[in-house]
């Protein structure tokens, strides 16, 4: 199986989330993948902050669908710059929407960061 590269991943992202197309494809962000992932993270965080469960589910499903089929650089950015930076506000309703794959990532990040303290 061939892994998705950044160009294919970004195309899929903006096709699935046209709400962030303009920002993700901004001329200042093109070629700077971490900024593009940051746009997606902010979009998801806004949905979390507003309690927009449908958008949160869409975001998590997109990540879960892609996480095992992308190049390492994308996977790493999704783990560290996306999942690792979301604030779930201690909401069990939102935490229940997190797919098992992403819960595992969150657990591993917490274990790593707790060990660094």
C-alpha atoms as a PDB file:
ATOM      1  CA  UNK A   1       0.000   0.000   0.000  1.00  0.00           C
ATOM      2  CA  UNK A   2       1.333   3.390  -0.960  1.00  0.00           C
ATOM      3  CA  UNK A   3       1.207   6.004   1.789  1.00  0.00           C
ATOM      4  CA  UNK A   4      -0.371   9.416   1.202  1.00  0.00           C
ATOM      5  CA  UNK A   5       2.107  12.232   0.812  1.00  0.00           C
ATOM      6  CA  UNK A   6       1.542  15.776   2.076  1.00  0.00           C
ATOM      7  CA  UNK A   7       0.047  17.072  -1.191  1.00  0.00           C
ATOM      8  CA  UNK A   8      -2.562  14.300  -1.323  1.00  0.00           C
ATOM      9  CA  UNK A   9      -3.331  14.636   2.394  1.00  0.00           C
ATOM     10  CA  UNK A  10      -3.838  18.419   2.138  1.00  0.00           C
ATOM     11  CA  UNK A  11      -6.069  17.992  -0.925  1.00  0.00           C
ATOM     12  CA  UNK A  12      -8.164  15.445   0.987  1.00  0.00           C
ATOM     13  CA  UNK A  13      -8.281  17.758   4.022  1.00  0.00           C
ATOM     14  CA  UNK A  14      -9.565  20.790   2.133  1.00  0.00           C
ATOM     15  CA  UNK A  15     -11.981  18.660   0.079  1.00  0.00           C
ATOM     16  CA  UNK A  16     -13.450  17.253   3.301  1.00  0.00           C
ATOM     17  CA  UNK A  17     -13.366  20.577   5.176  1.00  0.00           C
ATOM     18  CA  UNK A  18     -14.023  23.367   2.666  1.00  0.00           C
ATOM     19  CA  UNK A  19     -14.559  25.694   5.647  1.00  0.00           C
ATOM     20  CA  UNK A  20     -10.772  25.880   6.125  1.00  0.00           C
ATOM     21  CA  UNK A  21      -9.709  25.638   2.464  1.00  0.00           C
ATOM     22  CA  UNK A  22      -8.806  29.309   2.128  1.00  0.00           C
ATOM     23  CA  UNK A  23      -6.652  29.386   5.261  1.00  0.00           C
ATOM     24  CA  UNK A  24      -4.937  26.027   4.639  1.00  0.00           C
ATOM     25  CA  UNK A  25      -4.123  27.005   1.055  1.00  0.00           C
ATOM     26  CA  UNK A  26      -3.063  30.556   1.958  1.00  0.00           C
ATOM     27  CA  UNK A  27       0.086  31.509   0.065  1.00  0.00           C
ATOM     28  CA  UNK A  28       1.913  32.031   3.371  1.00  0.00           C
ATOM     29  CA  UNK A  29       1.072  28.476   4.512  1.00  0.00           C
ATOM     30  CA  UNK A  30       1.768  26.546   1.306  1.00  0.00           C
ATOM     31  CA  UNK A  31       4.770  24.308   1.848  1.00  0.00           C
ATOM     32  CA  UNK A  32       4.695  24.716   5.628  1.00  0.00           C
ATOM     33  CA  UNK A  33       2.809  21.609   6.625  1.00  0.00           C
ATOM     34  CA  UNK A  34       2.822  22.272  10.372  1.00  0.00           C
ATOM     35  CA  UNK A  35       0.994  25.583   9.819  1.00  0.00           C
ATOM     36  CA  UNK A  36      -1.564  23.793   7.668  1.00  0.00           C
ATOM     37  CA  UNK A  37      -2.111  21.170  10.379  1.00  0.00           C
ATOM     38  CA  UNK A  38      -2.384  24.057  12.848  1.00  0.00           C
ATOM     39  CA  UNK A  39      -5.345  25.415  10.839  1.00  0.00           C
ATOM     40  CA  UNK A  40      -7.075  22.046  11.150  1.00  0.00           C
ATOM     41  CA  UNK A  41      -6.283  21.894  14.868  1.00  0.00           C
ATOM     42  CA  UNK A  42      -7.769  25.378  15.432  1.00  0.00           C
ATOM     43  CA  UNK A  43     -10.858  24.385  13.431  1.00  0.00           C
ATOM     44  CA  UNK A  44     -11.314  21.299  15.611  1.00  0.00           C
ATOM     45  CA  UNK A  45     -10.606  23.242  18.809  1.00  0.00           C
ATOM     46  CA  UNK A  46     -13.253  25.815  17.894  1.00  0.00           C
ATOM     47  CA  UNK A  47     -15.752  22.972  17.435  1.00  0.00           C
ATOM     48  CA  UNK A  48     -14.733  21.584  20.849  1.00  0.00           C
ATOM     49  CA  UNK A  49     -15.084  25.019  22.451  1.00  0.00           C
ATOM     50  CA  UNK A  50     -18.563  25.433  20.923  1.00  0.00           C
ATOM     51  CA  UNK A  51     -19.636  21.879  21.722  1.00  0.00           C
ATOM     52  CA  UNK A  52     -20.233  21.207  18.007  1.00  0.00           C
ATOM     53  CA  UNK A  53     -20.298  17.419  18.298  1.00  0.00           C
ATOM     54  CA  UNK A  54     -21.010  16.792  14.607  1.00  0.00           C
ATOM     55  CA  UNK A  55     -17.939  18.756  13.466  1.00  0.00           C
ATOM     56  CA  UNK A  56     -15.806  17.153  16.171  1.00  0.00           C
ATOM     57  CA  UNK A  57     -16.857  13.697  14.925  1.00  0.00           C
ATOM     58  CA  UNK A  58     -16.064  14.672  11.324  1.00  0.00           C
ATOM     59  CA  UNK A  59     -12.599  15.855  12.346  1.00  0.00           C
ATOM     60  CA  UNK A  60     -11.779  12.805  14.452  1.00  0.00           C
ATOM     61  CA  UNK A  61     -13.075  10.454  11.761  1.00  0.00           C
ATOM     62  CA  UNK A  62     -10.901  12.147   9.145  1.00  0.00           C
ATOM     63  CA  UNK A  63      -7.805  11.752  11.310  1.00  0.00           C
ATOM     64  CA  UNK A  64      -8.602   8.167  12.189  1.00  0.00           C
ATOM     65  CA  UNK A  65      -9.219   7.275   8.528  1.00  0.00           C
ATOM     66  CA  UNK A  66      -5.868   8.756   7.538  1.00  0.00           C
ATOM     67  CA  UNK A  67      -3.556   8.027  10.454  1.00  0.00           C
ATOM     68  CA  UNK A  68      -2.330   4.640   9.285  1.00  0.00           C
ATOM     69  CA  UNK A  69      -2.141   5.483   5.586  1.00  0.00           C
ATOM     70  CA  UNK A  70       0.078   8.551   5.541  1.00  0.00           C
ATOM     71  CA  UNK A  71       3.799   9.216   5.413  1.00  0.00           C
ATOM     72  CA  UNK A  72       5.588   9.402   8.769  1.00  0.00           C
ATOM     73  CA  UNK A  73       5.899  13.211   8.685  1.00  0.00           C
ATOM     74  CA  UNK A  74       2.100  13.534   8.426  1.00  0.00           C
ATOM     75  CA  UNK A  75       1.461  10.911  11.091  1.00  0.00           C
ATOM     76  CA  UNK A  76       3.890  12.662  13.419  1.00  0.00           C
ATOM     77  CA  UNK A  77       2.255  16.068  12.842  1.00  0.00           C
ATOM     78  CA  UNK A  78      -1.185  14.588  13.469  1.00  0.00           C
ATOM     79  CA  UNK A  79       0.022  13.061  16.736  1.00  0.00           C
ATOM     80  CA  UNK A  80       2.038  16.000  18.074  1.00  0.00           C
ATOM     81  CA  UNK A  81       0.610  19.154  16.461  1.00  0.00           C
ATOM     82  CA  UNK A  82      -3.006  18.045  16.231  1.00  0.00           C
ATOM     83  CA  UNK A  83      -4.089  15.422  18.779  1.00  0.00           C
ATOM     84  CA  UNK A  84      -1.473  16.447  21.328  1.00  0.00           C
ATOM     85  CA  UNK A  85      -2.541  20.091  21.327  1.00  0.00           C
ATOM     86  CA  UNK A  86      -6.308  19.745  21.527  1.00  0.00           C
ATOM     87  CA  UNK A  87      -7.949  20.754  24.812  1.00  0.00           C
ATOM     88  CA  UNK A  88     -10.995  18.606  25.480  1.00  0.00           C
ATOM     89  CA  UNK A  89     -12.067  20.828  28.386  1.00  0.00           C
ATOM     90  CA  UNK A  90     -12.587  17.750  30.548  1.00  0.00           C
ATOM     91  CA  UNK A  91     -15.826  17.029  28.701  1.00  0.00           C
ATOM     92  CA  UNK A  92     -16.674  13.347  28.916  1.00  0.00           C
ATOM     93  CA  UNK A  93     -19.160  13.843  26.067  1.00  0.00           C
ATOM     94  CA  UNK A  94     -16.349  15.016  23.780  1.00  0.00           C
ATOM     95  CA  UNK A  95     -13.852  12.479  25.102  1.00  0.00           C
ATOM     96  CA  UNK A  96     -16.365   9.721  24.270  1.00  0.00           C
ATOM     97  CA  UNK A  97     -16.194  10.798  20.609  1.00  0.00           C
ATOM     98  CA  UNK A  98     -12.442  10.171  20.432  1.00  0.00           C
ATOM     99  CA  UNK A  99     -11.775   7.006  18.417  1.00  0.00           C
ATOM    100  CA  UNK A 100      -9.708   4.274  20.122  1.00  0.00           C
ATOM    101  CA  UNK A 101      -6.733   4.918  17.830  1.00  0.00           C
ATOM    102  CA  UNK A 102      -6.554   8.544  18.947  1.00  0.00           C
ATOM    103  CA  UNK A 103      -7.175   7.668  22.611  1.00  0.00           C
ATOM    104  CA  UNK A 104      -4.134   5.419  22.424  1.00  0.00           C
ATOM    105  CA  UNK A 105      -2.078   8.291  20.987  1.00  0.00           C
ATOM    106  CA  UNK A 106      -3.281  10.612  23.750  1.00  0.00           C
ATOM    107  CA  UNK A 107      -2.310   8.048  26.382  1.00  0.00           C
ATOM    108  CA  UNK A 108       1.155   7.645  24.886  1.00  0.00           C
ATOM    109  CA  UNK A 109       1.675  11.419  24.691  1.00  0.00           C
ATOM    110  CA  UNK A 110       0.560  11.855  28.304  1.00  0.00           C
ATOM    111  CA  UNK A 111       2.908   9.074  29.408  1.00  0.00           C
ATOM    112  CA  UNK A 112       5.789  10.670  27.484  1.00  0.00           C
ATOM    113  CA  UNK A 113       5.164  14.223  28.722  1.00  0.00           C
ATOM    114  CA  UNK A 114       4.581  13.097  32.310  1.00  0.00           C
ATOM    115  CA  UNK A 115       7.943  11.325  32.170  1.00  0.00           C
ATOM    116  CA  UNK A 116       9.635  14.521  31.018  1.00  0.00           C
ATOM    117  CA  UNK A 117       8.484  16.559  34.030  1.00  0.00           C
END
